Amino acid sequence: MDEWYQLDVEQNLKKLDVDLSVGLDAAEAQRRLERYGANELVERDQKRFCGNS
């Protein structure tokens, strides 16, 4: 199957079982939070190419 970034919006919405005009109800949002975790980025130290600070 194609990766999410290769699909158009409608295909992704169908794959994720989401109605764009309604979104997720609170119960479904909670289920997805428990299953997939929070939608957040973790900051990491970056390696520098030149070694300069």
N, C-alpha and C. Protein backbone atom coordinates (compact mmCIF):
# COMPACT_ATOMS: atom_id res chain seq x y z
N MET A 1 0.84 -1.19 0.00
CA MET A 1 0.00 0.00 0.00
C MET A 1 0.88 1.24 0.00
N ASP A 2 0.35 2.30 -0.54
CA ASP A 2 1.09 3.55 -0.60
C ASP A 2 1.29 4.14 0.80
N GLU A 3 2.35 4.88 0.95
CA GLU A 3 2.61 5.60 2.19
C GLU A 3 1.65 6.77 2.29
N TRP A 4 1.40 7.26 3.51
CA TRP A 4 0.42 8.34 3.72
C TRP A 4 0.74 9.58 2.90
N TYR A 5 2.02 9.88 2.72
CA TYR A 5 2.41 11.08 2.00
C TYR A 5 2.23 10.94 0.49
N GLN A 6 1.97 9.73 0.02
CA GLN A 6 1.73 9.52 -1.40
C GLN A 6 0.24 9.57 -1.74
N LEU A 7 -0.60 9.65 -0.72
CA LEU A 7 -2.05 9.66 -0.92
C LEU A 7 -2.58 11.07 -0.89
N ASP A 8 -3.73 11.28 -1.54
CA ASP A 8 -4.36 12.60 -1.45
C ASP A 8 -5.15 12.69 -0.14
N VAL A 9 -5.69 13.85 0.13
CA VAL A 9 -6.39 14.09 1.40
C VAL A 9 -7.54 13.12 1.59
N GLU A 10 -8.37 12.96 0.58
CA GLU A 10 -9.54 12.08 0.70
C GLU A 10 -9.13 10.64 1.00
N GLN A 11 -8.08 10.16 0.36
CA GLN A 11 -7.60 8.80 0.61
C GLN A 11 -7.10 8.66 2.05
N ASN A 12 -6.39 9.66 2.55
CA ASN A 12 -5.91 9.61 3.93
C ASN A 12 -7.06 9.65 4.92
N LEU A 13 -8.05 10.49 4.67
CA LEU A 13 -9.21 10.55 5.57
C LEU A 13 -9.92 9.21 5.63
N LYS A 14 -10.08 8.58 4.48
CA LYS A 14 -10.73 7.27 4.45
C LYS A 14 -9.89 6.23 5.20
N LYS A 15 -8.58 6.25 4.96
CA LYS A 15 -7.67 5.30 5.62
C LYS A 15 -7.70 5.47 7.14
N LEU A 16 -7.81 6.73 7.60
CA LEU A 16 -7.82 7.02 9.03
C LEU A 16 -9.23 6.98 9.63
N ASP A 17 -10.22 6.75 8.79
CA ASP A 17 -11.62 6.69 9.22
C ASP A 17 -12.03 7.97 9.95
N VAL A 18 -11.83 9.10 9.26
CA VAL A 18 -12.13 10.42 9.82
C VAL A 18 -12.98 11.20 8.83
N ASP A 19 -13.98 11.91 9.34
CA ASP A 19 -14.77 12.84 8.54
C ASP A 19 -14.21 14.23 8.80
N LEU A 20 -13.67 14.86 7.77
CA LEU A 20 -13.01 16.16 7.92
C LEU A 20 -13.94 17.23 8.49
N SER A 21 -15.22 17.17 8.17
CA SER A 21 -16.15 18.20 8.64
C SER A 21 -16.54 17.99 10.11
N VAL A 22 -16.32 16.80 10.64
CA VAL A 22 -16.73 16.49 12.01
C VAL A 22 -15.53 16.26 12.93
N GLY A 23 -14.50 15.60 12.42
CA GLY A 23 -13.35 15.26 13.26
C GLY A 23 -13.64 14.02 14.09
N LEU A 24 -12.88 13.85 15.15
CA LEU A 24 -13.05 12.70 16.04
C LEU A 24 -13.89 13.11 17.25
N ASP A 25 -14.74 12.18 17.71
CA ASP A 25 -15.42 12.48 18.96
C ASP A 25 -14.44 12.23 20.11
N ALA A 26 -14.79 12.66 21.29
CA ALA A 26 -13.88 12.59 22.44
C ALA A 26 -13.45 11.16 22.75
N ALA A 27 -14.37 10.22 22.63
CA ALA A 27 -14.05 8.82 22.94
C ALA A 27 -13.04 8.26 21.95
N GLU A 28 -13.23 8.55 20.65
CA GLU A 28 -12.29 8.05 19.65
C GLU A 28 -10.94 8.73 19.79
N ALA A 29 -10.93 10.02 20.09
CA ALA A 29 -9.66 10.72 20.31
C ALA A 29 -8.91 10.10 21.48
N GLN A 30 -9.61 9.74 22.54
CA GLN A 30 -8.98 9.11 23.71
C GLN A 30 -8.43 7.74 23.35
N ARG A 31 -9.19 6.96 22.59
CA ARG A 31 -8.71 5.62 22.16
C ARG A 31 -7.43 5.74 21.34
N ARG A 32 -7.39 6.71 20.44
CA ARG A 32 -6.20 6.87 19.60
C ARG A 32 -5.02 7.40 20.41
N LEU A 33 -5.28 8.26 21.37
CA LEU A 33 -4.22 8.74 22.25
C LEU A 33 -3.61 7.59 23.03
N GLU A 34 -4.46 6.71 23.55
CA GLU A 34 -3.96 5.55 24.31
C GLU A 34 -3.21 4.58 23.40
N ARG A 35 -3.67 4.41 22.18
CA ARG A 35 -3.04 3.45 21.27
C ARG A 35 -1.75 3.99 20.67
N TYR A 36 -1.74 5.24 20.22
CA TYR A 36 -0.61 5.79 19.49
C TYR A 36 0.25 6.77 20.29
N GLY A 37 -0.27 7.23 21.42
CA GLY A 37 0.48 8.21 22.22
C GLY A 37 0.19 9.62 21.76
N ALA A 38 0.79 10.55 22.47
CA ALA A 38 0.58 11.97 22.19
C ALA A 38 1.23 12.36 20.86
N ASN A 39 0.63 13.32 20.20
CA ASN A 39 1.15 13.84 18.94
C ASN A 39 2.11 14.97 19.27
N GLU A 40 3.35 14.59 19.58
CA GLU A 40 4.33 15.59 19.97
C GLU A 40 5.70 15.20 19.45
N LEU A 41 6.52 16.20 19.24
CA LEU A 41 7.89 15.98 18.82
C LEU A 41 8.81 16.05 20.02
N VAL A 42 9.79 15.20 20.04
CA VAL A 42 10.77 15.19 21.12
C VAL A 42 12.01 15.92 20.64
N GLU A 43 12.45 16.92 21.39
CA GLU A 43 13.63 17.69 21.01
C GLU A 43 14.87 16.87 21.35
N ARG A 44 15.79 16.79 20.38
CA ARG A 44 17.04 16.06 20.59
C ARG A 44 18.21 16.98 20.30
N ASP A 45 19.36 16.63 20.84
CA ASP A 45 20.57 17.36 20.50
C ASP A 45 20.88 17.12 19.03
N GLN A 46 21.28 18.17 18.36
CA GLN A 46 21.61 18.05 16.95
C GLN A 46 23.12 17.88 16.78
N LYS A 47 23.51 16.98 15.92
CA LYS A 47 24.92 16.82 15.59
C LYS A 47 25.26 17.86 14.54
N ARG A 48 26.35 18.53 14.75
CA ARG A 48 26.76 19.57 13.81
C ARG A 48 27.74 19.01 12.81
N PHE A 49 27.55 19.40 11.58
CA PHE A 49 28.40 18.91 10.49
C PHE A 49 29.84 19.38 10.66
N CYS A 50 30.03 20.65 10.99
CA CYS A 50 31.38 21.22 11.08
C CYS A 50 31.97 21.10 12.49
N GLY A 51 31.16 20.76 13.45
CA GLY A 51 31.67 20.67 14.82
C GLY A 51 31.71 21.99 15.53
N ASN A 52 31.25 23.06 14.91
CA ASN A 52 31.22 24.37 15.57
C ASN A 52 30.01 24.48 16.48
N SER A 53 30.15 25.26 17.57
CA SER A 53 29.01 25.42 18.45
C SER A 53 28.18 26.61 18.08
